[in-house]
């Protein structure tokens, strides 16, 4: 269970938990920019070097 007072805290907690438990080595949450139709990284944890660049 995760407690957060904002969406930013929630997504940060989610990626930290996924990587911290050892289930994943990298976790990324992105959103779609409706104007450019490109994915924009909101938050990541772990070694995301070269991922979605």
PDB file of N, CA and C in Angstrom:
ATOM      1  N   UNK A   1       0.849  -1.168   0.000  1.00  0.00           N
ATOM      2  CA  UNK A   1       0.000   0.000   0.000  1.00  0.00           C
ATOM      3  C   UNK A   1       0.896   1.233   0.000  1.00  0.00           C
ATOM      4  N   UNK A   2       0.434   2.266  -0.694  1.00  0.00           N
ATOM      5  CA  UNK A   2       1.204   3.491  -0.833  1.00  0.00           C
ATOM      6  C   UNK A   2       0.345   4.665  -0.399  1.00  0.00           C
ATOM      7  N   UNK A   3       0.949   5.561   0.371  1.00  0.00           N
ATOM      8  CA  UNK A   3       0.261   6.805   0.727  1.00  0.00           C
ATOM      9  C   UNK A   3       0.963   7.956   0.031  1.00  0.00           C
ATOM     10  N   UNK A   4       0.149   8.838  -0.528  1.00  0.00           N
ATOM     11  CA  UNK A   4       0.712   9.998  -1.215  1.00  0.00           C
ATOM     12  C   UNK A   4      -0.293  11.135  -1.159  1.00  0.00           C
ATOM     13  N   UNK A   5       0.234  12.353  -1.078  1.00  0.00           N
ATOM     14  CA  UNK A   5      -0.657  13.514  -1.045  1.00  0.00           C
ATOM     15  C   UNK A   5      -0.763  14.188  -2.410  1.00  0.00           C
ATOM     16  N   UNK A   6      -0.026  13.665  -3.391  1.00  0.00           N
ATOM     17  CA  UNK A   6      -0.106  14.214  -4.741  1.00  0.00           C
ATOM     18  C   UNK A   6       0.178  13.114  -5.758  1.00  0.00           C
ATOM     19  N   UNK A   7      -0.174  13.371  -6.997  1.00  0.00           N
ATOM     20  CA  UNK A   7       0.100  12.406  -8.058  1.00  0.00           C
ATOM     21  C   UNK A   7       1.601  12.196  -8.215  1.00  0.00           C
ATOM     22  N   UNK A   8       2.370  13.282  -8.102  1.00  0.00           N
ATOM     23  CA  UNK A   8       3.822  13.188  -8.213  1.00  0.00           C
ATOM     24  C   UNK A   8       4.427  12.267  -7.169  1.00  0.00           C
ATOM     25  N   UNK A   9       3.965  12.393  -5.926  1.00  0.00           N
ATOM     26  CA  UNK A   9       4.444  11.504  -4.861  1.00  0.00           C
ATOM     27  C   UNK A   9       4.047  10.060  -5.140  1.00  0.00           C
ATOM     28  N   UNK A  10       2.853   9.867  -5.665  1.00  0.00           N
ATOM     29  CA  UNK A  10       2.371   8.519  -5.952  1.00  0.00           C
ATOM     30  C   UNK A  10       3.219   7.829  -7.012  1.00  0.00           C
ATOM     31  N   UNK A  11       3.450   8.489  -8.144  1.00  0.00           N
ATOM     32  CA  UNK A  11       4.208   7.844  -9.216  1.00  0.00           C
ATOM     33  C   UNK A  11       5.663   7.613  -8.802  1.00  0.00           C
ATOM     34  N   UNK A  12       6.228   8.534  -8.038  1.00  0.00           N
ATOM     35  CA  UNK A  12       7.593   8.359  -7.543  1.00  0.00           C
ATOM     36  C   UNK A  12       7.662   7.139  -6.623  1.00  0.00           C
ATOM     37  N   UNK A  13       6.693   7.001  -5.754  1.00  0.00           N
ATOM     38  CA  UNK A  13       6.653   5.861  -4.837  1.00  0.00           C
ATOM     39  C   UNK A  13       6.484   4.540  -5.585  1.00  0.00           C
ATOM     40  N   UNK A  14       5.657   4.548  -6.611  1.00  0.00           N
ATOM     41  CA  UNK A  14       5.423   3.326  -7.389  1.00  0.00           C
ATOM     42  C   UNK A  14       6.711   2.842  -8.048  1.00  0.00           C
ATOM     43  N   UNK A  15       7.431   3.723  -8.738  1.00  0.00           N
ATOM     44  CA  UNK A  15       8.648   3.276  -9.420  1.00  0.00           C
ATOM     45  C   UNK A  15       9.729   2.875  -8.424  1.00  0.00           C
ATOM     46  N   UNK A  16       9.825   3.579  -7.303  1.00  0.00           N
ATOM     47  CA  UNK A  16      10.814   3.206  -6.285  1.00  0.00           C
ATOM     48  C   UNK A  16      10.494   1.843  -5.692  1.00  0.00           C
ATOM     49  N   UNK A  17       9.227   1.562  -5.478  1.00  0.00           N
ATOM     50  CA  UNK A  17       8.822   0.267  -4.926  1.00  0.00           C
ATOM     51  C   UNK A  17       9.101  -0.860  -5.912  1.00  0.00           C
ATOM     52  N   UNK A  18       8.778  -0.655  -7.180  1.00  0.00           N
ATOM     53  CA  UNK A  18       9.018  -1.696  -8.185  1.00  0.00           C
ATOM     54  C   UNK A  18      10.495  -2.058  -8.284  1.00  0.00           C
ATOM     55  N   UNK A  19      11.361  -1.048  -8.268  1.00  0.00           N
ATOM     56  CA  UNK A  19      12.798  -1.305  -8.375  1.00  0.00           C
ATOM     57  C   UNK A  19      13.346  -1.777  -7.031  1.00  0.00           C
ATOM     58  N   UNK A  20      12.875  -1.188  -5.949  1.00  0.00           N
ATOM     59  CA  UNK A  20      13.378  -1.519  -4.618  1.00  0.00           C
ATOM     60  C   UNK A  20      13.098  -2.948  -4.191  1.00  0.00           C
ATOM     61  N   UNK A  21      12.026  -3.541  -4.692  1.00  0.00           N
ATOM     62  CA  UNK A  21      11.700  -4.919  -4.330  1.00  0.00           C
ATOM     63  C   UNK A  21      12.505  -5.929  -5.133  1.00  0.00           C
ATOM     64  N   UNK A  22      13.192  -5.437  -6.162  1.00  0.00           N
ATOM     65  CA  UNK A  22      13.990  -6.335  -6.990  1.00  0.00           C
ATOM     66  C   UNK A  22      13.225  -7.000  -8.109  1.00  0.00           C
ATOM     67  N   UNK A  23      11.950  -6.668  -8.233  1.00  0.00           N
ATOM     68  CA  UNK A  23      11.130  -7.258  -9.298  1.00  0.00           C
ATOM     69  C   UNK A  23      11.584  -6.739 -10.659  1.00  0.00           C
ATOM     70  N   UNK A  24      11.921  -5.447 -10.715  1.00  0.00           N
ATOM     71  CA  UNK A  24      12.368  -4.818 -11.950  1.00  0.00           C
ATOM     72  C   UNK A  24      13.681  -4.082 -11.698  1.00  0.00           C
ATOM     73  N   UNK A  25      14.512  -3.973 -12.721  1.00  0.00           N
ATOM     74  CA  UNK A  25      15.743  -3.200 -12.589  1.00  0.00           C
ATOM     75  C   UNK A  25      15.516  -1.745 -12.972  1.00  0.00           C
ATOM     76  N   UNK A  26      14.479  -1.483 -13.754  1.00  0.00           N
ATOM     77  CA  UNK A  26      14.129  -0.132 -14.183  1.00  0.00           C
ATOM     78  C   UNK A  26      12.613  -0.007 -14.232  1.00  0.00           C
ATOM     79  N   UNK A  27      12.110   1.137 -13.792  1.00  0.00           N
ATOM     80  CA  UNK A  27      10.681   1.421 -13.906  1.00  0.00           C
ATOM     81  C   UNK A  27      10.527   2.852 -14.398  1.00  0.00           C
ATOM     82  N   UNK A  28       9.650   3.047 -15.366  1.00  0.00           N
ATOM     83  CA  UNK A  28       9.431   4.364 -15.967  1.00  0.00           C
ATOM     84  C   UNK A  28       7.931   4.594 -16.108  1.00  0.00           C
ATOM     85  N   UNK A  29       7.495   5.796 -15.749  1.00  0.00           N
ATOM     86  CA  UNK A  29       6.113   6.196 -15.996  1.00  0.00           C
ATOM     87  C   UNK A  29       6.171   7.404 -16.917  1.00  0.00           C
ATOM     88  N   UNK A  30       5.465   7.309 -18.025  1.00  0.00           N
ATOM     89  CA  UNK A  30       5.453   8.370 -19.033  1.00  0.00           C
ATOM     90  C   UNK A  30       4.024   8.779 -19.331  1.00  0.00           C
ATOM     91  N   UNK A  31       3.888   9.920 -19.966  1.00  0.00           N
ATOM     92  CA  UNK A  31       2.566  10.380 -20.409  1.00  0.00           C
ATOM     93  C   UNK A  31       2.668  10.785 -21.877  1.00  0.00           C
ATOM     94  N   UNK A  32       1.550  10.783 -22.560  1.00  0.00           N
ATOM     95  CA  UNK A  32       1.511  11.170 -23.964  1.00  0.00           C
ATOM     96  C   UNK A  32       1.256  12.665 -24.071  1.00  0.00           C
ATOM     97  N   UNK A  33       2.134  13.358 -24.795  1.00  0.00           N
ATOM     98  CA  UNK A  33       1.926  14.769 -25.092  1.00  0.00           C
ATOM     99  C   UNK A  33       0.943  14.828 -26.259  1.00  0.00           C
ATOM    100  N   UNK A  34      -0.256  15.346 -26.040  1.00  0.00           N
ATOM    101  CA  UNK A  34      -1.263  15.321 -27.101  1.00  0.00           C
ATOM    102  C   UNK A  34      -0.916  16.187 -28.311  1.00  0.00           C
ATOM    103  N   UNK A  35      -0.090  17.207 -28.112  1.00  0.00           N
ATOM    104  CA  UNK A  35       0.273  18.080 -29.220  1.00  0.00           C
ATOM    105  C   UNK A  35       1.308  17.454 -30.142  1.00  0.00           C
ATOM    106  N   UNK A  36       2.288  16.767 -29.554  1.00  0.00           N
ATOM    107  CA  UNK A  36       3.379  16.198 -30.355  1.00  0.00           C
ATOM    108  C   UNK A  36       3.226  14.696 -30.574  1.00  0.00           C
ATOM    109  N   UNK A  37       2.293  14.064 -29.843  1.00  0.00           N
ATOM    110  CA  UNK A  37       2.086  12.619 -29.898  1.00  0.00           C
ATOM    111  C   UNK A  37       3.351  11.854 -29.471  1.00  0.00           C
ATOM    112  N   UNK A  38       4.160  12.464 -28.622  1.00  0.00           N
ATOM    113  CA  UNK A  38       5.367  11.817 -28.109  1.00  0.00           C
ATOM    114  C   UNK A  38       5.182  11.475 -26.638  1.00  0.00           C
ATOM    115  N   UNK A  39       5.852  10.401 -26.208  1.00  0.00           N
ATOM    116  CA  UNK A  39       5.853  10.048 -24.798  1.00  0.00           C
ATOM    117  C   UNK A  39       6.853  10.925 -24.062  1.00  0.00           C
ATOM    118  N   UNK A  40       6.426  11.457 -22.922  1.00  0.00           N
ATOM    119  CA  UNK A  40       7.264  12.311 -22.094  1.00  0.00           C
ATOM    120  C   UNK A  40       7.452  11.607 -20.752  1.00  0.00           C
ATOM    121  N   UNK A  41       8.687  11.376 -20.381  1.00  0.00           N
ATOM    122  CA  UNK A  41       8.964  10.686 -19.122  1.00  0.00           C
ATOM    123  C   UNK A  41       8.581  11.582 -17.958  1.00  0.00           C
ATOM    124  N   UNK A  42       7.768  11.041 -17.049  1.00  0.00           N
ATOM    125  CA  UNK A  42       7.400  11.766 -15.836  1.00  0.00           C
ATOM    126  C   UNK A  42       8.356  11.423 -14.710  1.00  0.00           C
ATOM    127  N   UNK A  43       8.617  10.140 -14.547  1.00  0.00           N
ATOM    128  CA  UNK A  43       9.481   9.706 -13.451  1.00  0.00           C
ATOM    129  C   UNK A  43      10.084   8.358 -13.810  1.00  0.00           C
ATOM    130  N   UNK A  44      11.300   8.128 -13.314  1.00  0.00           N
ATOM    131  CA  UNK A  44      11.932   6.830 -13.531  1.00  0.00           C
ATOM    132  C   UNK A  44      12.801   6.500 -12.332  1.00  0.00           C
ATOM    133  N   UNK A  45      13.106   5.226 -12.211  1.00  0.00           N
ATOM    134  CA  UNK A  45      13.960   4.753 -11.139  1.00  0.00           C
ATOM    135  C   UNK A  45      14.784   3.598 -11.687  1.00  0.00           C
ATOM    136  N   UNK A  46      16.005   3.461 -11.215  1.00  0.00           N
ATOM    137  CA  UNK A  46      16.888   2.434 -11.739  1.00  0.00           C
ATOM    138  C   UNK A  46      17.707   3.001 -12.872  1.00  0.00           C
ATOM    139  N   UNK A  47      18.340   2.130 -13.605  1.00  0.00           N
ATOM    140  CA  UNK A  47      19.204   2.567 -14.716  1.00  0.00           C
ATOM    141  C   UNK A  47      18.379   2.696 -15.982  1.00  0.00           C
ATOM    142  N   UNK A  48      17.885   3.915 -16.230  1.00  0.00           N
ATOM    143  CA  UNK A  48      17.056   4.180 -17.411  1.00  0.00           C
ATOM    144  C   UNK A  48      17.885   4.795 -18.539  1.00  0.00           C
ATOM    145  N   UNK A  49      19.203   4.651 -18.480  1.00  0.00           N
ATOM    146  CA  UNK A  49      20.081   5.219 -19.498  1.00  0.00           C
ATOM    147  C   UNK A  49      19.716   4.674 -20.875  1.00  0.00           C
ATOM    148  N   UNK A  50      19.432   5.571 -21.804  1.00  0.00           N
ATOM    149  CA  UNK A  50      19.120   5.169 -23.167  1.00  0.00           C
ATOM    150  C   UNK A  50      17.688   4.685 -23.366  1.00  0.00           C
ATOM    151  N   UNK A  51      16.904   4.636 -22.307  1.00  0.00           N
ATOM    152  CA  UNK A  51      15.540   4.148 -22.408  1.00  0.00           C
ATOM    153  C   UNK A  51      14.634   5.296 -22.828  1.00  0.00           C
ATOM    154  N   UNK A  52      13.937   5.131 -23.918  1.00  0.00           N
ATOM    155  CA  UNK A  52      12.988   6.114 -24.442  1.00  0.00           C
ATOM    156  C   UNK A  52      13.642   7.448 -24.764  1.00  0.00           C
ATOM    157  N   UNK A  53      14.826   7.429 -25.300  1.00  0.00           N
ATOM    158  CA  UNK A  53      15.460   8.678 -25.686  1.00  0.00           C
ATOM    159  C   UNK A  53      15.427   8.839 -27.184  1.00  0.00           C
TER     160      UNK A  53
END
